[in-house]
Amino acid sequence: MNNILHPEQVRAFRRMTPRQKLALNASLWEHAHALKEAFFRARQPAWDDEQIRQAARETIQRAAR
């Protein structure tokens, strides 16, 4: 982790409470889904909302492995 992040980022994360870290994680997860959904909406205009959500979900799940 320290090799990827700036030292100030590491210090900020260490100051965060577990609740703050969970909230940040949830926010990042929501943003990732929103960005992927926007990507698929632009690329696949004929897809319905469920197809968009499913494609975003699958893409993010694959990336998490």
PDB file of N, CA and C in Angstrom:
ATOM      1  N   MET A   1       0.822  -1.193   0.000  1.00  0.00           N
ATOM      2  CA  MET A   1       0.000   0.000   0.000  1.00  0.00           C
ATOM      3  C   MET A   1       0.865   1.255   0.000  1.00  0.00           C
ATOM      4  N   ASN A   2       1.914   1.272   0.768  1.00  0.00           N
ATOM      5  CA  ASN A   2       2.741   2.463   0.866  1.00  0.00           C
ATOM      6  C   ASN A   2       3.447   2.790  -0.438  1.00  0.00           C
ATOM      7  N   ASN A   3       3.671   1.791  -1.297  1.00  0.00           N
ATOM      8  CA  ASN A   3       4.353   2.038  -2.559  1.00  0.00           C
ATOM      9  C   ASN A   3       3.456   2.758  -3.556  1.00  0.00           C
ATOM     10  N   ILE A   4       2.162   2.651  -3.395  1.00  0.00           N
ATOM     11  CA  ILE A   4       1.225   3.224  -4.352  1.00  0.00           C
ATOM     12  C   ILE A   4       0.767   4.614  -3.912  1.00  0.00           C
ATOM     13  N   LEU A   5       0.624   4.810  -2.626  1.00  0.00           N
ATOM     14  CA  LEU A   5       0.040   6.043  -2.098  1.00  0.00           C
ATOM     15  C   LEU A   5       1.106   7.043  -1.663  1.00  0.00           C
ATOM     16  N   HIS A   6       0.752   8.286  -1.760  1.00  0.00           N
ATOM     17  CA  HIS A   6       1.599   9.358  -1.255  1.00  0.00           C
ATOM     18  C   HIS A   6       1.611   9.260   0.273  1.00  0.00           C
ATOM     19  N   PRO A   7       2.724   9.571   0.910  1.00  0.00           N
ATOM     20  CA  PRO A   7       2.794   9.482   2.378  1.00  0.00           C
ATOM     21  C   PRO A   7       1.689  10.255   3.095  1.00  0.00           C
ATOM     22  N   GLU A   8       1.281  11.395   2.554  1.00  0.00           N
ATOM     23  CA  GLU A   8       0.200  12.163   3.193  1.00  0.00           C
ATOM     24  C   GLU A   8      -1.118  11.404   3.126  1.00  0.00           C
ATOM     25  N   GLN A   9      -1.346  10.679   2.034  1.00  0.00           N
ATOM     26  CA  GLN A   9      -2.552   9.858   1.929  1.00  0.00           C
ATOM     27  C   GLN A   9      -2.531   8.757   2.982  1.00  0.00           C
ATOM     28  N   VAL A  10      -1.385   8.137   3.161  1.00  0.00           N
ATOM     29  CA  VAL A  10      -1.258   7.075   4.160  1.00  0.00           C
ATOM     30  C   VAL A  10      -1.561   7.639   5.543  1.00  0.00           C
ATOM     31  N   ARG A  11      -1.011   8.807   5.856  1.00  0.00           N
ATOM     32  CA  ARG A  11      -1.276   9.427   7.165  1.00  0.00           C
ATOM     33  C   ARG A  11      -2.763   9.727   7.333  1.00  0.00           C
ATOM     34  N   ALA A  12      -3.391  10.223   6.289  1.00  0.00           N
ATOM     35  CA  ALA A  12      -4.824  10.540   6.367  1.00  0.00           C
ATOM     36  C   ALA A  12      -5.642   9.278   6.613  1.00  0.00           C
ATOM     37  N   PHE A  13      -5.327   8.196   5.916  1.00  0.00           N
ATOM     38  CA  PHE A  13      -6.056   6.939   6.122  1.00  0.00           C
ATOM     39  C   PHE A  13      -5.846   6.397   7.530  1.00  0.00           C
ATOM     40  N   ARG A  14      -4.667   6.556   8.055  1.00  0.00           N
ATOM     41  CA  ARG A  14      -4.397   6.060   9.416  1.00  0.00           C
ATOM     42  C   ARG A  14      -5.154   6.859  10.471  1.00  0.00           C
ATOM     43  N   ARG A  15      -5.449   8.128  10.163  1.00  0.00           N
ATOM     44  CA  ARG A  15      -6.210   8.958  11.112  1.00  0.00           C
ATOM     45  C   ARG A  15      -7.703   8.657  11.068  1.00  0.00           C
ATOM     46  N   MET A  16      -8.158   8.010  10.021  1.00  0.00           N
ATOM     47  CA  MET A  16      -9.591   7.748   9.860  1.00  0.00           C
ATOM     48  C   MET A  16     -10.060   6.658  10.815  1.00  0.00           C
ATOM     49  N   THR A  17     -11.275   6.813  11.275  1.00  0.00           N
ATOM     50  CA  THR A  17     -11.892   5.770  12.093  1.00  0.00           C
ATOM     51  C   THR A  17     -12.348   4.637  11.168  1.00  0.00           C
ATOM     52  N   PRO A  18     -12.584   3.453  11.731  1.00  0.00           N
ATOM     53  CA  PRO A  18     -13.113   2.365  10.899  1.00  0.00           C
ATOM     54  C   PRO A  18     -14.409   2.766  10.182  1.00  0.00           C
ATOM     55  N   ARG A  19     -15.273   3.499  10.855  1.00  0.00           N
ATOM     56  CA  ARG A  19     -16.524   3.941  10.235  1.00  0.00           C
ATOM     57  C   ARG A  19     -16.255   4.849   9.034  1.00  0.00           C
ATOM     58  N   GLN A  20     -15.295   5.752   9.170  1.00  0.00           N
ATOM     59  CA  GLN A  20     -14.951   6.637   8.059  1.00  0.00           C
ATOM     60  C   GLN A  20     -14.375   5.845   6.879  1.00  0.00           C
ATOM     61  N   LYS A  21     -13.562   4.850   7.190  1.00  0.00           N
ATOM     62  CA  LYS A  21     -12.992   4.015   6.124  1.00  0.00           C
ATOM     63  C   LYS A  21     -14.080   3.237   5.395  1.00  0.00           C
ATOM     64  N   LEU A  22     -15.037   2.718   6.127  1.00  0.00           N
ATOM     65  CA  LEU A  22     -16.151   2.004   5.491  1.00  0.00           C
ATOM     66  C   LEU A  22     -16.989   2.945   4.631  1.00  0.00           C
ATOM     67  N   ALA A  23     -17.222   4.147   5.129  1.00  0.00           N
ATOM     68  CA  ALA A  23     -18.001   5.126   4.360  1.00  0.00           C
ATOM     69  C   ALA A  23     -17.264   5.514   3.079  1.00  0.00           C
ATOM     70  N   LEU A  24     -15.962   5.694   3.170  1.00  0.00           N
ATOM     71  CA  LEU A  24     -15.168   6.014   1.987  1.00  0.00           C
ATOM     72  C   LEU A  24     -15.215   4.868   0.985  1.00  0.00           C
ATOM     73  N   ASN A  25     -15.078   3.649   1.481  1.00  0.00           N
ATOM     74  CA  ASN A  25     -15.139   2.475   0.614  1.00  0.00           C
ATOM     75  C   ASN A  25     -16.494   2.399  -0.097  1.00  0.00           C
ATOM     76  N   ALA A  26     -17.566   2.609   0.632  1.00  0.00           N
ATOM     77  CA  ALA A  26     -18.905   2.562   0.032  1.00  0.00           C
ATOM     78  C   ALA A  26     -19.056   3.646  -1.032  1.00  0.00           C
ATOM     79  N   SER A  27     -18.540   4.825  -0.751  1.00  0.00           N
ATOM     80  CA  SER A  27     -18.623   5.922  -1.705  1.00  0.00           C
ATOM     81  C   SER A  27     -17.836   5.611  -2.978  1.00  0.00           C
ATOM     82  N   LEU A  28     -16.640   5.069  -2.812  1.00  0.00           N
ATOM     83  CA  LEU A  28     -15.827   4.708  -3.983  1.00  0.00           C
ATOM     84  C   LEU A  28     -16.510   3.622  -4.803  1.00  0.00           C
ATOM     85  N   TRP A  29     -17.121   2.656  -4.116  1.00  0.00           N
ATOM     86  CA  TRP A  29     -17.837   1.575  -4.793  1.00  0.00           C
ATOM     87  C   TRP A  29     -19.005   2.139  -5.610  1.00  0.00           C
ATOM     88  N   GLU A  30     -19.749   3.054  -5.011  1.00  0.00           N
ATOM     89  CA  GLU A  30     -20.883   3.672  -5.710  1.00  0.00           C
ATOM     90  C   GLU A  30     -20.415   4.472  -6.929  1.00  0.00           C
ATOM     91  N   HIS A  31     -19.318   5.196  -6.771  1.00  0.00           N
ATOM     92  CA  HIS A  31     -18.785   5.974  -7.893  1.00  0.00           C
ATOM     93  C   HIS A  31     -18.304   5.059  -9.018  1.00  0.00           C
ATOM     94  N   ALA A  32     -17.664   3.959  -8.661  1.00  0.00           N
ATOM     95  CA  ALA A  32     -17.201   3.004  -9.678  1.00  0.00           C
ATOM     96  C   ALA A  32     -18.379   2.464 -10.474  1.00  0.00           C
ATOM     97  N   HIS A  33     -19.445   2.107  -9.775  1.00  0.00           N
ATOM     98  CA  HIS A  33     -20.640   1.602 -10.460  1.00  0.00           C
ATOM     99  C   HIS A  33     -21.260   2.679 -11.351  1.00  0.00           C
ATOM    100  N   ALA A  34     -21.349   3.884 -10.853  1.00  0.00           N
ATOM    101  CA  ALA A  34     -21.941   4.972 -11.640  1.00  0.00           C
ATOM    102  C   ALA A  34     -21.125   5.244 -12.905  1.00  0.00           C
ATOM    103  N   LEU A  35     -19.801   5.224 -12.776  1.00  0.00           N
ATOM    104  CA  LEU A  35     -18.953   5.451 -13.944  1.00  0.00           C
ATOM    105  C   LEU A  35     -19.089   4.330 -14.963  1.00  0.00           C
ATOM    106  N   LYS A  36     -19.103   3.092 -14.495  1.00  0.00           N
ATOM    107  CA  LYS A  36     -19.251   1.960 -15.414  1.00  0.00           C
ATOM    108  C   LYS A  36     -20.619   1.984 -16.081  1.00  0.00           C
ATOM    109  N   GLU A  37     -21.648   2.319 -15.331  1.00  0.00           N
ATOM    110  CA  GLU A  37     -22.982   2.401 -15.925  1.00  0.00           C
ATOM    111  C   GLU A  37     -23.021   3.495 -16.994  1.00  0.00           C
ATOM    112  N   ALA A  38     -22.399   4.628 -16.726  1.00  0.00           N
ATOM    113  CA  ALA A  38     -22.355   5.711 -17.717  1.00  0.00           C
ATOM    114  C   ALA A  38     -21.600   5.260 -18.966  1.00  0.00           C
ATOM    115  N   PHE A  39     -20.524   4.522 -18.764  1.00  0.00           N
ATOM    116  CA  PHE A  39     -19.762   3.993 -19.894  1.00  0.00           C
ATOM    117  C   PHE A  39     -20.634   3.095 -20.762  1.00  0.00           C
ATOM    118  N   PHE A  40     -21.337   2.149 -20.128  1.00  0.00           N
ATOM    119  CA  PHE A  40     -22.163   1.227 -20.897  1.00  0.00           C
ATOM    120  C   PHE A  40     -23.366   1.927 -21.537  1.00  0.00           C
ATOM    121  N   ARG A  41     -23.921   2.929 -20.869  1.00  0.00           N
ATOM    122  CA  ARG A  41     -25.031   3.687 -21.471  1.00  0.00           C
ATOM    123  C   ARG A  41     -24.572   4.376 -22.762  1.00  0.00           C
ATOM    124  N   ALA A  42     -23.362   4.905 -22.741  1.00  0.00           N
ATOM    125  CA  ALA A  42     -22.831   5.585 -23.924  1.00  0.00           C
ATOM    126  C   ALA A  42     -22.502   4.595 -25.043  1.00  0.00           C
ATOM    127  N   ARG A  43     -21.985   3.437 -24.656  1.00  0.00           N
ATOM    128  CA  ARG A  43     -21.564   2.448 -25.654  1.00  0.00           C
ATOM    129  C   ARG A  43     -22.695   1.569 -26.165  1.00  0.00           C
ATOM    130  N   GLN A  44     -23.704   1.362 -25.342  1.00  0.00           N
ATOM    131  CA  GLN A  44     -24.799   0.445 -25.684  1.00  0.00           C
ATOM    132  C   GLN A  44     -26.150   1.138 -25.484  1.00  0.00           C
ATOM    133  N   PRO A  45     -26.484   2.110 -26.304  1.00  0.00           N
ATOM    134  CA  PRO A  45     -27.718   2.878 -26.089  1.00  0.00           C
ATOM    135  C   PRO A  45     -28.998   2.044 -26.163  1.00  0.00           C
ATOM    136  N   ALA A  46     -28.951   0.882 -26.780  1.00  0.00           N
ATOM    137  CA  ALA A  46     -30.158   0.049 -26.894  1.00  0.00           C
ATOM    138  C   ALA A  46     -30.413  -0.788 -25.643  1.00  0.00           C
ATOM    139  N   TRP A  47     -29.420  -0.883 -24.751  1.00  0.00           N
ATOM    140  CA  TRP A  47     -29.587  -1.699 -23.546  1.00  0.00           C
ATOM    141  C   TRP A  47     -30.541  -1.022 -22.572  1.00  0.00           C
ATOM    142  N   ASP A  48     -31.310  -1.856 -21.842  1.00  0.00           N
ATOM    143  CA  ASP A  48     -32.181  -1.310 -20.801  1.00  0.00           C
ATOM    144  C   ASP A  48     -31.386  -1.165 -19.498  1.00  0.00           C
ATOM    145  N   ASP A  49     -32.029  -0.583 -18.486  1.00  0.00           N
ATOM    146  CA  ASP A  49     -31.339  -0.311 -17.217  1.00  0.00           C
ATOM    147  C   ASP A  49     -30.776  -1.570 -16.573  1.00  0.00           C
ATOM    148  N   GLU A  50     -31.509  -2.663 -16.628  1.00  0.00           N
ATOM    149  CA  GLU A  50     -31.033  -3.898 -16.003  1.00  0.00           C
ATOM    150  C   GLU A  50     -29.793  -4.430 -16.721  1.00  0.00           C
ATOM    151  N   GLN A  51     -29.774  -4.359 -18.027  1.00  0.00           N
ATOM    152  CA  GLN A  51     -28.595  -4.805 -18.776  1.00  0.00           C
ATOM    153  C   GLN A  51     -27.380  -3.940 -18.437  1.00  0.00           C
ATOM    154  N   ILE A  52     -27.608  -2.656 -18.301  1.00  0.00           N
ATOM    155  CA  ILE A  52     -26.531  -1.726 -17.940  1.00  0.00           C
ATOM    156  C   ILE A  52     -25.986  -2.072 -16.558  1.00  0.00           C
ATOM    157  N   ARG A  53     -26.888  -2.230 -15.580  1.00  0.00           N
ATOM    158  CA  ARG A  53     -26.465  -2.549 -14.211  1.00  0.00           C
ATOM    159  C   ARG A  53     -25.718  -3.876 -14.166  1.00  0.00           C
ATOM    160  N   GLN A  54     -26.223  -4.874 -14.873  1.00  0.00           N
ATOM    161  CA  GLN A  54     -25.595  -6.192 -14.885  1.00  0.00           C
ATOM    162  C   GLN A  54     -24.194  -6.126 -15.496  1.00  0.00           C
ATOM    163  N   ALA A  55     -24.055  -5.432 -16.593  1.00  0.00           N
ATOM    164  CA  ALA A  55     -22.739  -5.313 -17.234  1.00  0.00           C
ATOM    165  C   ALA A  55     -21.750  -4.593 -16.318  1.00  0.00           C
ATOM    166  N   ALA A  56     -22.205  -3.536 -15.667  1.00  0.00           N
ATOM    167  CA  ALA A  56     -21.337  -2.804 -14.740  1.00  0.00           C
ATOM    168  C   ALA A  56     -20.935  -3.692 -13.572  1.00  0.00           C
ATOM    169  N   ARG A  57     -21.904  -4.407 -13.016  1.00  0.00           N
ATOM    170  CA  ARG A  57     -21.643  -5.307 -11.892  1.00  0.00           C
ATOM    171  C   ARG A  57     -20.609  -6.365 -12.270  1.00  0.00           C
ATOM    172  N   GLU A  58     -20.806  -7.005 -13.413  1.00  0.00           N
ATOM    173  CA  GLU A  58     -19.895  -8.067 -13.853  1.00  0.00           C
ATOM    174  C   GLU A  58     -18.486  -7.534 -14.105  1.00  0.00           C
ATOM    175  N   THR A  59     -18.403  -6.371 -14.705  1.00  0.00           N
ATOM    176  CA  THR A  59     -17.093  -5.779 -14.983  1.00  0.00           C
ATOM    177  C   THR A  59     -16.343  -5.477 -13.694  1.00  0.00           C
ATOM    178  N   ILE A  60     -17.033  -4.899 -12.732  1.00  0.00           N
ATOM    179  CA  ILE A  60     -16.390  -4.548 -11.464  1.00  0.00           C
ATOM    180  C   ILE A  60     -16.022  -5.803 -10.683  1.00  0.00           C
ATOM    181  N   GLN A  61     -16.869  -6.817 -10.703  1.00  0.00           N
ATOM    182  CA  GLN A  61     -16.551  -8.065 -10.010  1.00  0.00           C
ATOM    183  C   GLN A  61     -15.315  -8.723 -10.608  1.00  0.00           C
ATOM    184  N   ARG A  62     -15.210  -8.722 -11.931  1.00  0.00           N
ATOM    185  CA  ARG A  62     -14.023  -9.308 -12.574  1.00  0.00           C
ATOM    186  C   ARG A  62     -12.770  -8.536 -12.191  1.00  0.00           C
ATOM    187  N   ALA A  63     -12.870  -7.230 -12.130  1.00  0.00           N
ATOM    188  CA  ALA A  63     -11.714  -6.398 -11.791  1.00  0.00           C
ATOM    189  C   ALA A  63     -11.272  -6.607 -10.347  1.00  0.00           C
ATOM    190  N   ALA A  64     -12.195  -6.996  -9.478  1.00  0.00           N
ATOM    191  CA  ALA A  64     -11.880  -7.172  -8.058  1.00  0.00           C
ATOM    192  C   ALA A  64     -11.141  -8.476  -7.777  1.00  0.00           C
ATOM    193  N   ARG A  65     -11.118  -9.368  -8.736  1.00  0.00           N
ATOM    194  CA  ARG A  65     -10.453 -10.665  -8.506  1.00  0.00           C
ATOM    195  C   ARG A  65      -8.966 -10.576  -8.599  1.00  0.00           C
TER     196      ARG A  65
END
